Amino acid sequence: MRVTRAPAAVRRREVEGLRKFGLTDRDILDTVEVISYFNYINRVADALGIDPEPEMRQAFQRWRKHKAAELPRSKKEIRR
């Protein structure tokens, strides 16, 4: 998620952590490239007003419903 939201915030220790799980430099590069391309192409589609395919729209609606259930219901819950 950090590559998507704050790519400049990725630190060496995080990359080292991936290596500890057995990822090679090539694995890490491939992963970053796929994530980056996905982010890029979504922004292009959004900027051009391209509607997602019906199955993607349905998947997004399911995800949004699930996420909404996780959100705090009041300001008191936010402060906890």
C-alpha atoms as a PDB file:
ATOM      1  CA  MET A   1       0.000   0.000   0.000  1.00  0.00           C
ATOM      2  CA  ARG A   2       2.877   2.342   0.655  1.00  0.00           C
ATOM      3  CA  VAL A   3       4.002   2.110  -2.978  1.00  0.00           C
ATOM      4  CA  THR A   4       0.581   3.413  -3.992  1.00  0.00           C
ATOM      5  CA  ARG A   5       0.003   6.112  -1.406  1.00  0.00           C
ATOM      6  CA  ALA A   6       3.522   7.284  -0.523  1.00  0.00           C
ATOM      7  CA  PRO A   7       6.131   5.695  -2.794  1.00  0.00           C
ATOM      8  CA  ALA A   8       8.904   8.030  -1.643  1.00  0.00           C
ATOM      9  CA  ALA A   9       8.298   6.826   1.923  1.00  0.00           C
ATOM     10  CA  VAL A  10       9.402   3.248   1.171  1.00  0.00           C
ATOM     11  CA  ARG A  11      12.598   2.635   3.113  1.00  0.00           C
ATOM     12  CA  ARG A  12      15.493   0.250   2.726  1.00  0.00           C
ATOM     13  CA  ARG A  13      14.424  -1.713   5.819  1.00  0.00           C
ATOM     14  CA  GLU A  14      11.092  -2.482   4.150  1.00  0.00           C
ATOM     15  CA  VAL A  15      12.827  -3.819   1.069  1.00  0.00           C
ATOM     16  CA  GLU A  16      15.135  -5.842   3.311  1.00  0.00           C
ATOM     17  CA  GLY A  17      12.055  -7.235   5.030  1.00  0.00           C
ATOM     18  CA  LEU A  18      10.796  -8.516   1.684  1.00  0.00           C
ATOM     19  CA  ARG A  19      14.136 -10.199   1.070  1.00  0.00           C
ATOM     20  CA  LYS A  20      13.830 -11.951   4.437  1.00  0.00           C
ATOM     21  CA  PHE A  21      10.613 -13.521   3.110  1.00  0.00           C
ATOM     22  CA  GLY A  22      12.579 -14.888   0.173  1.00  0.00           C
ATOM     23  CA  LEU A  23      11.828 -12.301  -2.493  1.00  0.00           C
ATOM     24  CA  THR A  24      14.660 -11.598  -4.894  1.00  0.00           C
ATOM     25  CA  ASP A  25      15.524  -8.166  -6.218  1.00  0.00           C
ATOM     26  CA  ARG A  26      13.776  -9.180  -9.449  1.00  0.00           C
ATOM     27  CA  ASP A  27      10.645 -10.202  -7.507  1.00  0.00           C
ATOM     28  CA  ILE A  28      10.591  -6.839  -5.735  1.00  0.00           C
ATOM     29  CA  LEU A  29      11.148  -4.940  -8.978  1.00  0.00           C
ATOM     30  CA  ASP A  30       8.379  -6.895 -10.744  1.00  0.00           C
ATOM     31  CA  THR A  31       6.007  -6.195  -7.862  1.00  0.00           C
ATOM     32  CA  VAL A  32       6.734  -2.465  -7.829  1.00  0.00           C
ATOM     33  CA  GLU A  33       6.349  -2.286 -11.610  1.00  0.00           C
ATOM     34  CA  VAL A  34       2.965  -4.060 -11.540  1.00  0.00           C
ATOM     35  CA  ILE A  35       1.691  -1.852  -8.710  1.00  0.00           C
ATOM     36  CA  SER A  36       2.958   1.281 -10.450  1.00  0.00           C
ATOM     37  CA  TYR A  37       1.420   0.357 -13.794  1.00  0.00           C
ATOM     38  CA  PHE A  38      -1.904  -0.477 -12.156  1.00  0.00           C
ATOM     39  CA  ASN A  39      -1.923   2.929 -10.422  1.00  0.00           C
ATOM     40  CA  TYR A  40      -0.939   4.699 -13.637  1.00  0.00           C
ATOM     41  CA  ILE A  41      -3.541   3.065 -15.856  1.00  0.00           C
ATOM     42  CA  ASN A  42      -6.300   3.671 -13.312  1.00  0.00           C
ATOM     43  CA  ARG A  43      -5.435   7.357 -13.193  1.00  0.00           C
ATOM     44  CA  VAL A  44      -5.455   7.562 -16.986  1.00  0.00           C
ATOM     45  CA  ALA A  45      -8.878   5.871 -17.102  1.00  0.00           C
ATOM     46  CA  ASP A  46     -10.213   8.188 -14.392  1.00  0.00           C
ATOM     47  CA  ALA A  47      -8.860  11.273 -16.153  1.00  0.00           C
ATOM     48  CA  LEU A  48     -10.500  10.226 -19.426  1.00  0.00           C
ATOM     49  CA  GLY A  49     -13.790   9.343 -17.754  1.00  0.00           C
ATOM     50  CA  ILE A  50     -13.647   5.705 -18.792  1.00  0.00           C
ATOM     51  CA  ASP A  51     -16.237   3.637 -16.967  1.00  0.00           C
ATOM     52  CA  PRO A  52     -15.051   0.367 -15.477  1.00  0.00           C
ATOM     53  CA  GLU A  53     -16.325  -2.936 -16.811  1.00  0.00           C
ATOM     54  CA  PRO A  54     -19.525  -4.117 -15.077  1.00  0.00           C
ATOM     55  CA  GLU A  55     -17.732  -6.820 -13.058  1.00  0.00           C
ATOM     56  CA  MET A  56     -15.205  -4.270 -11.782  1.00  0.00           C
ATOM     57  CA  ARG A  57     -18.002  -1.885 -10.804  1.00  0.00           C
ATOM     58  CA  GLN A  58     -19.715  -4.703  -8.875  1.00  0.00           C
ATOM     59  CA  ALA A  59     -16.454  -5.648  -7.159  1.00  0.00           C
ATOM     60  CA  PHE A  60     -15.894  -2.014  -6.165  1.00  0.00           C
ATOM     61  CA  GLN A  61     -19.413  -1.733  -4.744  1.00  0.00           C
ATOM     62  CA  ARG A  62     -18.849  -4.879  -2.646  1.00  0.00           C
ATOM     63  CA  TRP A  63     -15.502  -3.510  -1.431  1.00  0.00           C
ATOM     64  CA  ARG A  64     -17.010  -0.111  -0.592  1.00  0.00           C
ATOM     65  CA  LYS A  65     -19.851  -1.752   1.358  1.00  0.00           C
ATOM     66  CA  HIS A  66     -17.330  -3.847   3.307  1.00  0.00           C
ATOM     67  CA  LYS A  67     -15.141  -0.807   4.032  1.00  0.00           C
ATOM     68  CA  ALA A  68     -18.123   1.290   5.104  1.00  0.00           C
ATOM     69  CA  ALA A  69     -18.959  -1.348   7.708  1.00  0.00           C
ATOM     70  CA  GLU A  70     -15.464  -0.893   9.179  1.00  0.00           C
ATOM     71  CA  LEU A  71     -15.688   2.907   9.492  1.00  0.00           C
ATOM     72  CA  PRO A  72     -16.336   4.467  12.914  1.00  0.00           C
ATOM     73  CA  ARG A  73     -19.972   5.399  13.457  1.00  0.00           C
ATOM     74  CA  SER A  74     -19.348   8.541  15.518  1.00  0.00           C
ATOM     75  CA  LYS A  75     -16.683  11.086  16.429  1.00  0.00           C
ATOM     76  CA  LYS A  76     -16.255   9.317  19.786  1.00  0.00           C
ATOM     77  CA  GLU A  77     -15.181   6.141  17.998  1.00  0.00           C
ATOM     78  CA  ILE A  78     -12.681   8.121  15.922  1.00  0.00           C
ATOM     79  CA  ARG A  79     -10.966   9.420  19.088  1.00  0.00           C
ATOM     80  CA  ARG A  80     -10.483   5.940  20.572  1.00  0.00           C
END
